[in-house]
Amino acid sequence: MNQLETEDQPGYIERQVRRHRRGEVAVASDNVGQEWPVALVFNGISHAVMMCTPRDLEAFAMGFSLTEGIVERGSDIHDIEVYYRDDGHTLPHAEVHLQVVQQAFLALKDKRRALAGRTGCGVCGIESIDLLDLQPERVPDTGFLTRLAPDAIERAARELPAHQRLTKLTGGLHAAAWCDDTGAVRFAFEDVGRHNALDKLIGQLVLQRVDTTQGFVFLSSRASYELVRKSARVGVPMVVTISAPTSLAIGIAKQAGLRLVSFARENSYVEYDVE
């Protein structure tokens, strides 16, 4: 196999299509979002294969490790190496090799013994309801929400489309953005999976030593339980989504003391009380 370590993939590919409109057929080029298997390998042992857009995989691996509770802090990861493999004969895929501290690796091996085959769709592979991790950490009260500008959510909704380059090209990716107390978008990541986009965002914040308690997450998706759970794990005080929340997302936000806002638009939003 060829090993490509120098650059990320573009995030999309070009395909020839036939466009049908009002009885007319035209051949044209279209852009389609990339979806690759990405294997996460911890200390030489494969733990998970996620279906991702093969960009920003170092940030993705860091974020996944934190939000899935594999490590407690970024410093528990000593090294991350990304390998892109595409020889034209096998399915293009990537491998991310992480070296983690021994304590985290031993805990991961114990966890593996309790799983029937972890995959990327929330709780697939869990043998028992008792193994669900639905007890979030309490988000620390740093006073961020009291400093939030009155129009911060509306500003974030207004600014996010400018950061969705791949979505504009393909129409099929999710975005996760980090916003400050004025609602300005500071970082944004895109992926075919909404949870992957969030992991990339959180991973980048940790890699750049950004305080995750001093901003909020804005997502171009619905608010499902795992997105709120991941955010609570790293102390994010507020999660905002464009679409609806689920009942479990609301419940976990309440347990964590995290402010949950959905149906966010440039002139309106719905808040789900944590009290």
Protein backbone atom coordinates (compact mmCIF):
# COMPACT_ATOMS: atom_id res chain seq x y z
CA MET A 1 0.00 0.00 0.00
CA ASN A 2 0.99 3.58 -0.53
CA GLN A 3 1.44 5.52 2.68
CA LEU A 4 0.46 9.16 2.43
CA GLU A 5 1.43 11.18 5.49
CA THR A 6 1.99 14.69 4.19
CA GLU A 7 -1.48 16.08 3.53
CA ASP A 8 -5.12 15.55 4.35
CA GLN A 9 -7.49 14.47 1.64
CA PRO A 10 -9.51 17.32 0.11
CA GLY A 11 -12.72 16.14 1.78
CA TYR A 12 -14.61 15.67 -1.48
CA ILE A 13 -14.30 13.96 -4.86
CA GLU A 14 -15.63 14.90 -8.26
CA ARG A 15 -18.06 12.60 -10.07
CA GLN A 16 -19.89 12.75 -13.38
CA VAL A 17 -23.68 12.85 -12.98
CA ARG A 18 -26.81 13.17 -15.06
CA ARG A 19 -29.05 16.02 -13.97
CA HIS A 20 -32.75 15.53 -14.65
CA ARG A 21 -34.88 18.66 -14.72
CA ARG A 22 -38.27 19.20 -16.36
CA GLY A 23 -37.76 16.31 -18.72
CA GLU A 24 -34.28 17.48 -19.77
CA VAL A 25 -31.14 15.43 -19.05
CA ALA A 26 -27.67 16.97 -18.89
CA VAL A 27 -24.27 15.48 -18.03
CA ALA A 28 -22.38 17.51 -15.44
CA SER A 29 -19.73 17.28 -12.73
CA ASP A 30 -20.71 17.09 -9.09
CA ASN A 31 -18.78 17.14 -5.81
CA VAL A 32 -19.40 14.37 -3.28
CA GLY A 33 -18.21 14.31 0.33
CA GLN A 34 -15.51 11.75 1.09
CA GLU A 35 -16.30 8.94 3.50
CA TRP A 36 -13.43 6.67 4.53
CA PRO A 37 -12.96 4.02 7.21
CA VAL A 38 -10.57 5.43 9.81
CA ALA A 39 -9.00 2.98 12.24
CA LEU A 40 -7.99 4.30 15.65
CA VAL A 41 -5.08 2.29 17.02
CA PHE A 42 -4.00 2.73 20.64
CA ASN A 43 -0.55 1.47 21.61
CA GLY A 44 -0.62 -0.92 18.68
CA ILE A 45 -4.14 -2.30 19.29
CA SER A 46 -7.05 -1.29 17.04
CA HIS A 47 -9.96 -0.02 19.14
CA ALA A 48 -12.46 1.42 16.66
CA VAL A 49 -13.11 1.96 12.98
CA MET A 50 -15.06 5.14 12.31
CA MET A 51 -16.52 6.34 9.04
CA CYS A 52 -15.11 9.85 8.56
CA THR A 53 -14.24 12.52 6.12
CA PRO A 54 -10.45 12.00 5.97
CA ARG A 55 -9.41 15.48 7.02
CA ASP A 56 -8.06 16.82 10.32
CA LEU A 57 -7.57 13.29 11.62
CA GLU A 58 -5.03 14.23 14.29
CA ALA A 59 -7.60 16.56 15.83
CA PHE A 60 -10.27 13.88 15.38
CA ALA A 61 -8.22 11.26 17.21
CA MET A 62 -7.46 13.64 20.06
CA GLY A 63 -11.11 14.64 20.41
CA PHE A 64 -12.41 11.08 20.15
CA SER A 65 -9.99 9.90 22.83
CA LEU A 66 -11.17 12.60 25.21
CA THR A 67 -14.89 12.56 24.53
CA GLU A 68 -15.08 8.76 24.64
CA GLY A 69 -13.25 8.73 27.99
CA ILE A 70 -10.23 6.81 26.73
CA VAL A 71 -7.95 9.48 28.20
CA GLU A 72 -8.69 12.10 30.83
CA ARG A 73 -6.56 14.90 29.41
CA GLY A 74 -4.64 15.73 26.28
CA SER A 75 -1.31 15.15 28.00
CA ASP A 76 -2.24 11.46 28.36
CA ILE A 77 -1.53 11.13 24.62
CA HIS A 78 2.20 11.10 23.87
CA ASP A 79 2.10 10.84 20.10
CA ILE A 80 -0.33 10.74 17.15
CA GLU A 81 0.62 9.54 13.66
CA VAL A 82 -1.77 9.60 10.71
CA TYR A 83 -1.42 7.28 7.71
CA TYR A 84 -3.49 7.63 4.53
CA ARG A 85 -3.62 4.43 2.51
CA ASP A 86 -4.89 4.33 -1.07
CA ASP A 87 -3.31 2.01 -3.64
CA GLY A 88 -6.20 2.04 -6.11
CA HIS A 89 -7.02 -1.62 -5.49
CA THR A 90 -8.37 -1.67 -1.93
CA LEU A 91 -10.87 0.62 -0.24
CA PRO A 92 -9.15 3.92 0.61
CA HIS A 93 -8.75 4.19 4.36
CA ALA A 94 -6.71 5.82 7.06
CA GLU A 95 -5.08 4.69 10.27
CA VAL A 96 -4.38 6.89 13.26
CA HIS A 97 -1.84 5.48 15.69
CA LEU A 98 -1.84 6.93 19.19
CA GLN A 99 0.54 6.31 22.06
CA VAL A 100 -1.26 6.81 25.36
CA VAL A 101 -0.13 6.55 28.97
CA GLN A 102 -0.09 3.07 30.44
CA GLN A 103 -2.94 3.73 32.86
CA ALA A 104 -5.26 4.77 30.03
CA PHE A 105 -4.20 1.81 27.90
CA LEU A 106 -4.89 -0.70 30.68
CA ALA A 107 -8.32 0.85 31.26
CA LEU A 108 -9.00 0.65 27.52
CA LYS A 109 -8.13 -3.05 27.45
CA ASP A 110 -10.55 -3.66 30.33
CA LYS A 111 -13.23 -1.74 28.45
CA ARG A 112 -12.63 -3.77 25.30
CA ARG A 113 -13.42 -6.92 27.22
CA ALA A 114 -16.90 -5.50 27.92
CA LEU A 115 -17.65 -4.65 24.27
CA ALA A 116 -18.80 -6.89 21.46
CA GLY A 117 -17.30 -4.65 18.76
CA ARG A 118 -17.40 -0.88 19.14
CA THR A 119 -18.45 1.10 16.07
CA GLY A 120 -19.16 4.72 15.27
CA CYS A 121 -22.93 4.85 15.71
CA GLY A 122 -23.38 5.81 19.32
CA VAL A 123 -23.96 2.67 21.38
CA CYS A 124 -23.58 -0.07 18.76
CA GLY A 125 -21.68 -3.04 20.13
CA ILE A 126 -22.61 -2.54 23.77
CA GLU A 127 -23.78 -5.81 25.29
CA SER A 128 -25.90 -4.38 28.09
CA ILE A 129 -27.88 -1.26 28.85
CA ASP A 130 -25.93 -1.12 32.11
CA LEU A 131 -22.79 -0.30 30.09
CA LEU A 132 -24.28 2.93 28.72
CA ASP A 133 -22.35 5.94 30.00
CA LEU A 134 -25.20 8.36 30.62
CA GLN A 135 -23.91 10.03 33.79
CA PRO A 136 -22.20 13.21 32.59
CA GLU A 137 -19.72 15.23 34.54
CA ARG A 138 -21.04 18.53 35.88
CA VAL A 139 -19.91 21.41 33.74
CA PRO A 140 -17.97 23.89 35.90
CA ASP A 141 -19.56 27.29 36.42
CA THR A 142 -16.90 29.72 35.18
CA GLY A 143 -19.30 32.61 34.65
CA PHE A 144 -19.09 32.31 30.86
CA LEU A 145 -22.85 32.29 30.33
CA THR A 146 -23.26 35.53 32.29
CA ARG A 147 -20.79 37.20 29.90
CA LEU A 148 -22.55 35.91 26.78
CA ALA A 149 -23.64 38.72 24.48
CA PRO A 150 -27.44 38.93 24.02
CA ASP A 151 -27.10 38.37 20.27
CA ALA A 152 -24.28 35.77 20.42
CA ILE A 153 -26.41 32.84 19.24
CA GLU A 154 -27.89 34.82 16.35
CA ARG A 155 -24.40 35.97 15.32
CA ALA A 156 -23.09 32.39 15.35
CA ALA A 157 -26.02 31.28 13.18
CA ARG A 158 -25.26 34.09 10.77
CA GLU A 159 -21.52 33.38 10.57
CA LEU A 160 -21.50 29.57 10.40
CA PRO A 161 -22.35 29.20 6.67
CA ALA A 162 -19.18 31.10 5.74
CA HIS A 163 -17.17 28.34 7.44
CA GLN A 164 -18.91 25.46 5.66
CA ARG A 165 -16.81 25.23 2.50
CA LEU A 166 -17.24 21.48 2.03
CA THR A 167 -20.96 21.70 2.68
CA LYS A 168 -21.28 24.30 -0.06
CA LEU A 169 -19.38 22.03 -2.44
CA THR A 170 -21.18 18.79 -1.62
CA GLY A 171 -24.39 19.58 0.28
CA GLY A 172 -23.75 16.60 2.55
CA LEU A 173 -21.49 17.40 5.51
CA HIS A 174 -22.06 18.48 9.10
CA ALA A 175 -20.20 21.33 10.80
CA ALA A 176 -19.10 21.92 14.38
CA ALA A 177 -17.95 25.41 15.34
CA TRP A 178 -16.38 27.00 18.41
CA CYS A 179 -17.73 30.44 19.24
CA ASP A 180 -16.64 33.07 21.75
CA ASP A 181 -18.85 35.10 24.08
CA THR A 182 -19.79 37.47 21.25
CA GLY A 183 -20.86 34.59 18.98
CA ALA A 184 -17.89 34.98 16.64
CA VAL A 185 -16.85 31.66 15.06
CA ARG A 186 -13.22 30.94 15.99
CA PHE A 187 -12.83 27.38 14.71
CA ALA A 188 -14.99 25.17 12.49
CA PHE A 189 -14.67 21.58 11.25
CA GLU A 190 -16.73 19.54 8.81
CA ASP A 191 -17.35 15.82 8.46
CA VAL A 192 -19.89 13.35 7.11
CA GLY A 193 -20.61 12.45 10.75
CA ARG A 194 -21.85 15.10 13.16
CA HIS A 195 -20.11 13.42 16.11
CA ASN A 196 -16.88 13.26 14.08
CA ALA A 197 -17.08 16.98 13.34
CA LEU A 198 -17.46 17.66 17.06
CA ASP A 199 -14.55 15.39 17.95
CA LYS A 200 -12.37 17.23 15.42
CA LEU A 201 -13.36 20.55 16.94
CA ILE A 202 -12.72 19.45 20.54
CA GLY A 203 -9.44 17.83 19.54
CA GLN A 204 -8.23 21.03 17.90
CA LEU A 205 -9.19 23.08 20.96
CA VAL A 206 -7.13 20.75 23.15
CA LEU A 207 -4.19 20.68 20.74
CA GLN A 208 -4.14 24.50 20.76
CA ARG A 209 -4.70 24.65 24.53
CA VAL A 210 -7.95 26.58 24.23
CA ASP A 211 -10.00 26.69 27.43
CA THR A 212 -13.08 24.62 26.60
CA THR A 213 -15.08 26.28 29.38
CA GLN A 214 -14.80 29.71 27.73
CA GLY A 215 -16.90 29.37 24.60
CA PHE A 216 -19.77 27.41 23.13
CA VAL A 217 -20.30 24.76 20.48
CA PHE A 218 -22.54 25.46 17.47
CA LEU A 219 -23.62 22.42 15.43
CA SER A 220 -25.31 22.22 12.03
CA SER A 221 -27.32 19.20 13.14
CA ARG A 222 -29.83 17.98 15.66
CA ALA A 223 -28.82 17.66 19.31
CA SER A 224 -28.47 13.96 20.07
CA TYR A 225 -27.38 12.57 23.41
CA GLU A 226 -23.82 11.73 22.36
CA LEU A 227 -23.11 15.31 21.21
CA VAL A 228 -24.20 16.72 24.56
CA ARG A 229 -22.35 13.95 26.41
CA LYS A 230 -19.12 14.62 24.52
CA SER A 231 -19.38 18.36 25.16
CA ALA A 232 -20.04 17.90 28.87
CA ARG A 233 -17.00 15.65 29.22
CA VAL A 234 -14.69 18.55 28.38
CA GLY A 235 -16.62 21.25 30.26
CA VAL A 236 -18.35 23.06 27.40
CA PRO A 237 -21.00 25.31 29.02
CA MET A 238 -23.42 25.58 26.06
CA VAL A 239 -24.33 23.57 22.98
CA VAL A 240 -26.34 25.20 20.19
CA THR A 241 -27.82 23.28 17.26
CA ILE A 242 -29.66 24.22 14.11
CA SER A 243 -32.12 21.35 14.33
CA ALA A 244 -34.13 19.70 17.11
CA PRO A 245 -32.90 18.05 20.31
CA THR A 246 -33.79 14.57 21.48
CA SER A 247 -35.31 13.88 24.88
CA LEU A 248 -32.13 12.21 26.08
CA ALA A 249 -30.01 15.15 24.95
CA ILE A 250 -32.20 17.45 27.04
CA GLY A 251 -31.93 15.12 30.02
CA ILE A 252 -28.15 14.83 29.88
CA ALA A 253 -27.80 18.60 29.46
CA LYS A 254 -29.86 19.06 32.61
CA GLN A 255 -27.75 16.56 34.56
CA ALA A 256 -24.54 18.24 33.41
CA GLY A 257 -25.71 21.80 34.03
CA LEU A 258 -25.10 22.54 30.35
CA ARG A 259 -27.23 25.09 28.51
CA LEU A 260 -28.88 23.49 25.46
CA VAL A 261 -30.25 25.65 22.64
CA SER A 262 -31.80 24.33 19.43
CA PHE A 263 -33.61 25.57 16.29
CA ALA A 264 -31.02 28.35 16.19
CA ARG A 265 -31.56 30.91 13.44
CA GLU A 266 -30.38 34.46 12.79
CA ASN A 267 -33.40 35.86 14.60
CA SER A 268 -34.66 33.11 16.92
CA TYR A 269 -33.81 30.03 18.99
CA VAL A 270 -35.33 27.70 21.57
CA GLU A 271 -33.70 27.15 24.95
CA TYR A 272 -34.13 23.95 26.95
CA ASP A 273 -33.78 24.85 30.62
CA VAL A 274 -31.21 23.02 32.73
CA GLU A 275 -33.09 23.72 35.95
